[in-house]
Amino acid sequence: MLMCVLAFPAHAERVRELASFAGVRDNQLVGYGLVVGLDSTGDQTTQAPFTSQSLTNMLSQLGVTVPAGTNLQLRNVAAVMVTTDLPPFQGLDSGWIL
């Protein structure tokens, strides 16, 4: 009996290679943040007021209160949004660098 078990090599398959999944789709990832340290090439607060709002909200999350009515001049800060599609069956632990 032991000889029969040892005579047949084990063969493994991944589930995704054997099955068909309904509704398989890409996953959209969206990131929003602030880039700081720009050499006077950041957003102009009159054209992009959400940059000031984002910075004020971020600072309040860190416990820093910006007085109401403060006119922030953010020449070195820009708001950014990054988007990508993550293919099906790909996780962040499988070598993707975002």
C-alpha atoms as a PDB file:
ATOM      1  CA  MET A   1       0.000   0.000   0.000  1.00  0.00           C
ATOM      2  CA  LEU A   2       2.833   2.400   0.889  1.00  0.00           C
ATOM      3  CA  MET A   3       4.480   1.717  -2.475  1.00  0.00           C
ATOM      4  CA  CYS A   4       1.267   2.704  -4.304  1.00  0.00           C
ATOM      5  CA  VAL A   5       1.056   6.040  -2.496  1.00  0.00           C
ATOM      6  CA  LEU A   6       4.714   6.840  -3.138  1.00  0.00           C
ATOM      7  CA  ALA A   7       4.452   5.842  -6.814  1.00  0.00           C
ATOM      8  CA  PHE A   8       1.961   8.615  -7.698  1.00  0.00           C
ATOM      9  CA  PRO A   9       3.424  12.130  -7.553  1.00  0.00           C
ATOM     10  CA  ALA A  10       1.311  14.795  -5.946  1.00  0.00           C
ATOM     11  CA  HIS A  11      -0.137  17.417  -8.275  1.00  0.00           C
ATOM     12  CA  ALA A  12      -1.701  20.636  -7.062  1.00  0.00           C
ATOM     13  CA  GLU A  13      -3.845  23.167  -8.928  1.00  0.00           C
ATOM     14  CA  ARG A  14      -4.911  26.642  -7.927  1.00  0.00           C
ATOM     15  CA  VAL A  15      -8.626  27.165  -7.445  1.00  0.00           C
ATOM     16  CA  ARG A  16      -8.640  30.045  -9.938  1.00  0.00           C
ATOM     17  CA  GLU A  17      -7.249  27.669 -12.609  1.00  0.00           C
ATOM     18  CA  LEU A  18     -10.003  25.117 -12.033  1.00  0.00           C
ATOM     19  CA  ALA A  19     -13.030  27.327 -11.544  1.00  0.00           C
ATOM     20  CA  SER A  20     -14.809  30.118 -13.333  1.00  0.00           C
ATOM     21  CA  PHE A  21     -15.931  32.998 -11.163  1.00  0.00           C
ATOM     22  CA  ALA A  22     -18.942  35.127 -12.022  1.00  0.00           C
ATOM     23  CA  GLY A  23     -18.447  38.824 -11.595  1.00  0.00           C
ATOM     24  CA  VAL A  24     -14.661  38.829 -11.736  1.00  0.00           C
ATOM     25  CA  ARG A  25     -13.571  42.427 -12.216  1.00  0.00           C
ATOM     26  CA  ASP A  26     -10.755  44.855 -11.627  1.00  0.00           C
ATOM     27  CA  ASN A  27     -10.710  46.740  -8.356  1.00  0.00           C
ATOM     28  CA  GLN A  28     -10.382  50.503  -8.604  1.00  0.00           C
ATOM     29  CA  LEU A  29      -8.084  52.075  -6.040  1.00  0.00           C
ATOM     30  CA  VAL A  30      -8.202  55.812  -5.367  1.00  0.00           C
ATOM     31  CA  GLY A  31      -5.828  57.804  -3.215  1.00  0.00           C
ATOM     32  CA  TYR A  32      -5.915  61.475  -2.248  1.00  0.00           C
ATOM     33  CA  GLY A  33      -3.267  63.387  -0.398  1.00  0.00           C
ATOM     34  CA  LEU A  34      -1.024  66.407  -0.102  1.00  0.00           C
ATOM     35  CA  VAL A  35       2.447  66.780  -1.579  1.00  0.00           C
ATOM     36  CA  VAL A  36       4.626  69.180   0.371  1.00  0.00           C
ATOM     37  CA  GLY A  37       8.056  70.672  -0.211  1.00  0.00           C
ATOM     38  CA  LEU A  38       7.410  71.922  -3.725  1.00  0.00           C
ATOM     39  CA  ASP A  39       9.662  74.838  -4.634  1.00  0.00           C
ATOM     40  CA  SER A  40       6.971  77.528  -5.118  1.00  0.00           C
ATOM     41  CA  THR A  41       5.198  75.306  -7.682  1.00  0.00           C
ATOM     42  CA  GLY A  42       2.269  74.212  -5.510  1.00  0.00           C
ATOM     43  CA  ASP A  43      -1.415  74.982  -5.876  1.00  0.00           C
ATOM     44  CA  GLN A  44      -2.639  78.562  -5.858  1.00  0.00           C
ATOM     45  CA  THR A  45      -5.232  78.794  -3.106  1.00  0.00           C
ATOM     46  CA  THR A  46      -7.529  80.962  -5.226  1.00  0.00           C
ATOM     47  CA  GLN A  47      -7.665  78.315  -7.964  1.00  0.00           C
ATOM     48  CA  ALA A  48      -7.672  75.234  -5.721  1.00  0.00           C
ATOM     49  CA  PRO A  49      -9.327  76.085  -2.376  1.00  0.00           C
ATOM     50  CA  PHE A  50      -9.633  72.388  -1.486  1.00  0.00           C
ATOM     51  CA  THR A  51      -5.861  72.280  -0.887  1.00  0.00           C
ATOM     52  CA  SER A  52      -6.243  74.691   2.061  1.00  0.00           C
ATOM     53  CA  GLN A  53      -9.255  72.750   3.298  1.00  0.00           C
ATOM     54  CA  SER A  54      -7.370  69.446   3.057  1.00  0.00           C
ATOM     55  CA  LEU A  55      -4.403  70.837   4.972  1.00  0.00           C
ATOM     56  CA  THR A  56      -6.664  72.334   7.658  1.00  0.00           C
ATOM     57  CA  ASN A  57      -8.505  69.013   8.048  1.00  0.00           C
ATOM     58  CA  MET A  58      -5.256  67.036   8.196  1.00  0.00           C
ATOM     59  CA  LEU A  59      -3.824  69.342  10.852  1.00  0.00           C
ATOM     60  CA  SER A  60      -7.009  69.098  12.921  1.00  0.00           C
ATOM     61  CA  GLN A  61      -6.706  65.276  12.822  1.00  0.00           C
ATOM     62  CA  LEU A  62      -3.216  65.752  14.267  1.00  0.00           C
ATOM     63  CA  GLY A  63      -4.522  68.031  17.027  1.00  0.00           C
ATOM     64  CA  VAL A  64      -3.405  71.334  15.480  1.00  0.00           C
ATOM     65  CA  THR A  65      -6.073  74.046  15.300  1.00  0.00           C
ATOM     66  CA  VAL A  66      -5.877  76.589  12.491  1.00  0.00           C
ATOM     67  CA  PRO A  67      -7.672  79.784  13.581  1.00  0.00           C
ATOM     68  CA  ALA A  68     -10.786  80.627  11.579  1.00  0.00           C
ATOM     69  CA  GLY A  69     -10.212  83.218   8.880  1.00  0.00           C
ATOM     70  CA  THR A  70      -6.536  82.354   8.491  1.00  0.00           C
ATOM     71  CA  ASN A  71      -5.400  82.906   4.910  1.00  0.00           C
ATOM     72  CA  LEU A  72      -3.046  80.043   4.149  1.00  0.00           C
ATOM     73  CA  GLN A  73      -0.539  80.754   1.383  1.00  0.00           C
ATOM     74  CA  LEU A  74       0.415  77.289   0.207  1.00  0.00           C
ATOM     75  CA  ARG A  75       2.971  77.910  -2.514  1.00  0.00           C
ATOM     76  CA  ASN A  76       4.813  74.703  -1.621  1.00  0.00           C
ATOM     77  CA  VAL A  77       1.798  72.357  -1.222  1.00  0.00           C
ATOM     78  CA  ALA A  78      -0.373  70.634  -3.832  1.00  0.00           C
ATOM     79  CA  ALA A  79      -3.387  68.328  -3.568  1.00  0.00           C
ATOM     80  CA  VAL A  80      -3.000  65.123  -5.594  1.00  0.00           C
ATOM     81  CA  MET A  81      -5.213  62.224  -6.570  1.00  0.00           C
ATOM     82  CA  VAL A  82      -3.868  58.877  -7.766  1.00  0.00           C
ATOM     83  CA  THR A  83      -6.007  56.169  -9.327  1.00  0.00           C
ATOM     84  CA  THR A  84      -5.247  52.668 -10.591  1.00  0.00           C
ATOM     85  CA  ASP A  85      -6.933  49.395 -11.439  1.00  0.00           C
ATOM     86  CA  LEU A  86      -5.867  46.318  -9.508  1.00  0.00           C
ATOM     87  CA  PRO A  87      -6.413  43.187 -11.634  1.00  0.00           C
ATOM     88  CA  PRO A  88      -8.573  40.366 -10.255  1.00  0.00           C
ATOM     89  CA  PHE A  89      -6.868  37.951  -7.883  1.00  0.00           C
ATOM     90  CA  GLN A  90      -4.056  40.417  -7.210  1.00  0.00           C
ATOM     91  CA  GLY A  91      -3.600  41.511  -3.638  1.00  0.00           C
ATOM     92  CA  LEU A  92      -1.383  44.174  -2.209  1.00  0.00           C
ATOM     93  CA  ASP A  93       0.767  41.380  -0.793  1.00  0.00           C
ATOM     94  CA  SER A  94       1.585  39.965  -4.237  1.00  0.00           C
ATOM     95  CA  GLY A  95       4.295  42.400  -5.229  1.00  0.00           C
ATOM     96  CA  TRP A  96       2.297  45.494  -6.192  1.00  0.00           C
ATOM     97  CA  ILE A  97       3.930  48.767  -5.260  1.00  0.00           C
ATOM     98  CA  LEU A  98       1.545  51.690  -5.085  1.00  0.00           C
END
